[in-house]
Amino acid sequence: DPGHTGRITRISDENPDLLRYLSAEEIDLDAEVEVVGRKPFGGALVVRISNAGRTRDFDLADEVTAALWVHSDHPHAGCTLGDS
């Protein structure tokens, strides 16, 4: 949902290689996340992550996003979260 914001509250520890990748990219607990959009044709989720005073955009595969638990800050204009 583009424009949605939140914080990373949990990271799955099932995949050690993924944990190393996230750590190397400074994608950590309490990092701020904003959904920018999704690449076409079922592509990666584009997110903006702010952590340790640094903000960067990432194209994250579904395998990566499934490992991240994000607590939503609040609904935004056009928010579809929770819609039936």
C-alpha atoms as a PDB file:
ATOM      1  CA  ASP A   1       0.000   0.000   0.000  1.00  0.00           C
ATOM      2  CA  PRO A   2       2.044   3.022  -1.206  1.00  0.00           C
ATOM      3  CA  GLY A   3       2.481   5.679   1.452  1.00  0.00           C
ATOM      4  CA  HIS A   4       2.016   3.298   4.362  1.00  0.00           C
ATOM      5  CA  THR A   5       4.515   3.770   7.194  1.00  0.00           C
ATOM      6  CA  GLY A   6       5.595   1.800  10.223  1.00  0.00           C
ATOM      7  CA  ARG A   7       8.504   0.366  12.187  1.00  0.00           C
ATOM      8  CA  ILE A   8      10.160  -3.029  12.027  1.00  0.00           C
ATOM      9  CA  THR A   9       9.207  -4.794  15.263  1.00  0.00           C
ATOM     10  CA  ARG A  10      10.388  -8.330  14.530  1.00  0.00           C
ATOM     11  CA  ILE A  11      12.649 -10.146  12.066  1.00  0.00           C
ATOM     12  CA  SER A  12      12.362 -13.873  11.426  1.00  0.00           C
ATOM     13  CA  ASP A  13      15.494 -15.797  12.364  1.00  0.00           C
ATOM     14  CA  GLU A  14      14.707 -18.837  10.176  1.00  0.00           C
ATOM     15  CA  ASN A  15      17.215 -17.947   7.433  1.00  0.00           C
ATOM     16  CA  PRO A  16      20.749 -17.074   8.637  1.00  0.00           C
ATOM     17  CA  ASP A  17      21.778 -15.838   5.164  1.00  0.00           C
ATOM     18  CA  LEU A  18      18.837 -13.444   5.097  1.00  0.00           C
ATOM     19  CA  LEU A  19      19.686 -12.190   8.593  1.00  0.00           C
ATOM     20  CA  ARG A  20      23.254 -11.476   7.457  1.00  0.00           C
ATOM     21  CA  TYR A  21      21.956  -9.616   4.389  1.00  0.00           C
ATOM     22  CA  LEU A  22      19.562  -7.495   6.450  1.00  0.00           C
ATOM     23  CA  SER A  23      22.295  -6.708   8.965  1.00  0.00           C
ATOM     24  CA  ALA A  24      24.752  -5.707   6.224  1.00  0.00           C
ATOM     25  CA  GLU A  25      22.104  -3.381   4.733  1.00  0.00           C
ATOM     26  CA  GLU A  26      21.316  -1.934   8.196  1.00  0.00           C
ATOM     27  CA  ILE A  27      17.719  -3.149   8.049  1.00  0.00           C
ATOM     28  CA  ASP A  28      17.240  -3.632  11.780  1.00  0.00           C
ATOM     29  CA  LEU A  29      14.620  -3.594  14.513  1.00  0.00           C
ATOM     30  CA  ASP A  30      12.947  -0.203  15.029  1.00  0.00           C
ATOM     31  CA  ALA A  31      13.903   0.995  11.538  1.00  0.00           C
ATOM     32  CA  GLU A  32      11.267   3.255   9.985  1.00  0.00           C
ATOM     33  CA  VAL A  33       9.640   1.843   6.841  1.00  0.00           C
ATOM     34  CA  GLU A  34       7.591   3.555   4.134  1.00  0.00           C
ATOM     35  CA  VAL A  35       6.058   1.610   1.264  1.00  0.00           C
ATOM     36  CA  VAL A  36       6.887   3.345  -2.022  1.00  0.00           C
ATOM     37  CA  GLY A  37       5.201   0.861  -4.367  1.00  0.00           C
ATOM     38  CA  ARG A  38       5.705  -2.415  -6.189  1.00  0.00           C
ATOM     39  CA  LYS A  39       7.652  -3.138  -9.347  1.00  0.00           C
ATOM     40  CA  PRO A  40       5.435  -4.169 -12.288  1.00  0.00           C
ATOM     41  CA  PHE A  41       4.272  -7.710 -13.015  1.00  0.00           C
ATOM     42  CA  GLY A  42       4.443  -8.963  -9.434  1.00  0.00           C
ATOM     43  CA  GLY A  43       7.941  -7.605  -8.892  1.00  0.00           C
ATOM     44  CA  ALA A  44       9.701  -6.517  -5.745  1.00  0.00           C
ATOM     45  CA  LEU A  45       8.155  -4.288  -3.100  1.00  0.00           C
ATOM     46  CA  VAL A  46       9.888  -0.898  -3.092  1.00  0.00           C
ATOM     47  CA  VAL A  47      10.361   0.459   0.429  1.00  0.00           C
ATOM     48  CA  ARG A  48      12.162   3.423   1.957  1.00  0.00           C
ATOM     49  CA  ILE A  49      13.959   2.481   5.168  1.00  0.00           C
ATOM     50  CA  SER A  50      15.377   4.974   7.653  1.00  0.00           C
ATOM     51  CA  ASN A  51      17.792   3.709  10.273  1.00  0.00           C
ATOM     52  CA  ALA A  52      20.735   5.207  12.140  1.00  0.00           C
ATOM     53  CA  GLY A  53      20.225   8.601  10.475  1.00  0.00           C
ATOM     54  CA  ARG A  54      20.350   7.152   6.962  1.00  0.00           C
ATOM     55  CA  THR A  55      17.451   6.737   4.508  1.00  0.00           C
ATOM     56  CA  ARG A  56      17.635   4.419   1.494  1.00  0.00           C
ATOM     57  CA  ASP A  57      15.252   2.785  -0.964  1.00  0.00           C
ATOM     58  CA  PHE A  58      15.236  -0.992  -1.354  1.00  0.00           C
ATOM     59  CA  ASP A  59      13.583  -3.370  -3.817  1.00  0.00           C
ATOM     60  CA  LEU A  60      12.659  -6.285  -1.550  1.00  0.00           C
ATOM     61  CA  ALA A  61      11.568  -9.709  -2.779  1.00  0.00           C
ATOM     62  CA  ASP A  62       8.554 -11.342  -1.154  1.00  0.00           C
ATOM     63  CA  GLU A  63      10.889 -13.733   0.703  1.00  0.00           C
ATOM     64  CA  VAL A  64      12.487 -10.740   2.423  1.00  0.00           C
ATOM     65  CA  THR A  65       9.259  -8.897   3.217  1.00  0.00           C
ATOM     66  CA  ALA A  66       7.753 -12.095   4.665  1.00  0.00           C
ATOM     67  CA  ALA A  67      10.578 -12.133   7.229  1.00  0.00           C
ATOM     68  CA  LEU A  68       9.849  -8.588   8.455  1.00  0.00           C
ATOM     69  CA  TRP A  69       7.073  -7.702  10.892  1.00  0.00           C
ATOM     70  CA  VAL A  70       6.132  -4.040  10.622  1.00  0.00           C
ATOM     71  CA  HIS A  71       3.870  -2.212  13.074  1.00  0.00           C
ATOM     72  CA  SER A  72       1.819   0.385  11.197  1.00  0.00           C
ATOM     73  CA  ASP A  73       2.072   3.986  12.365  1.00  0.00           C
ATOM     74  CA  HIS A  74      -1.390   5.029  11.188  1.00  0.00           C
ATOM     75  CA  PRO A  75      -3.704   4.908   8.163  1.00  0.00           C
ATOM     76  CA  HIS A  76      -3.061   7.414   5.369  1.00  0.00           C
ATOM     77  CA  ALA A  77      -5.030   8.916   2.501  1.00  0.00           C
ATOM     78  CA  GLY A  78      -6.163   6.087   0.236  1.00  0.00           C
ATOM     79  CA  CYS A  79      -5.074   3.405   2.719  1.00  0.00           C
ATOM     80  CA  THR A  80      -6.390  -0.049   1.827  1.00  0.00           C
ATOM     81  CA  LEU A  81      -5.107  -1.885   4.892  1.00  0.00           C
ATOM     82  CA  GLY A  82      -8.017  -3.491   6.651  1.00  0.00           C
ATOM     83  CA  ASP A  83     -10.402  -3.067   3.706  1.00  0.00           C
ATOM     84  CA  SER A  84     -12.543  -6.096   2.993  1.00  0.00           C
END
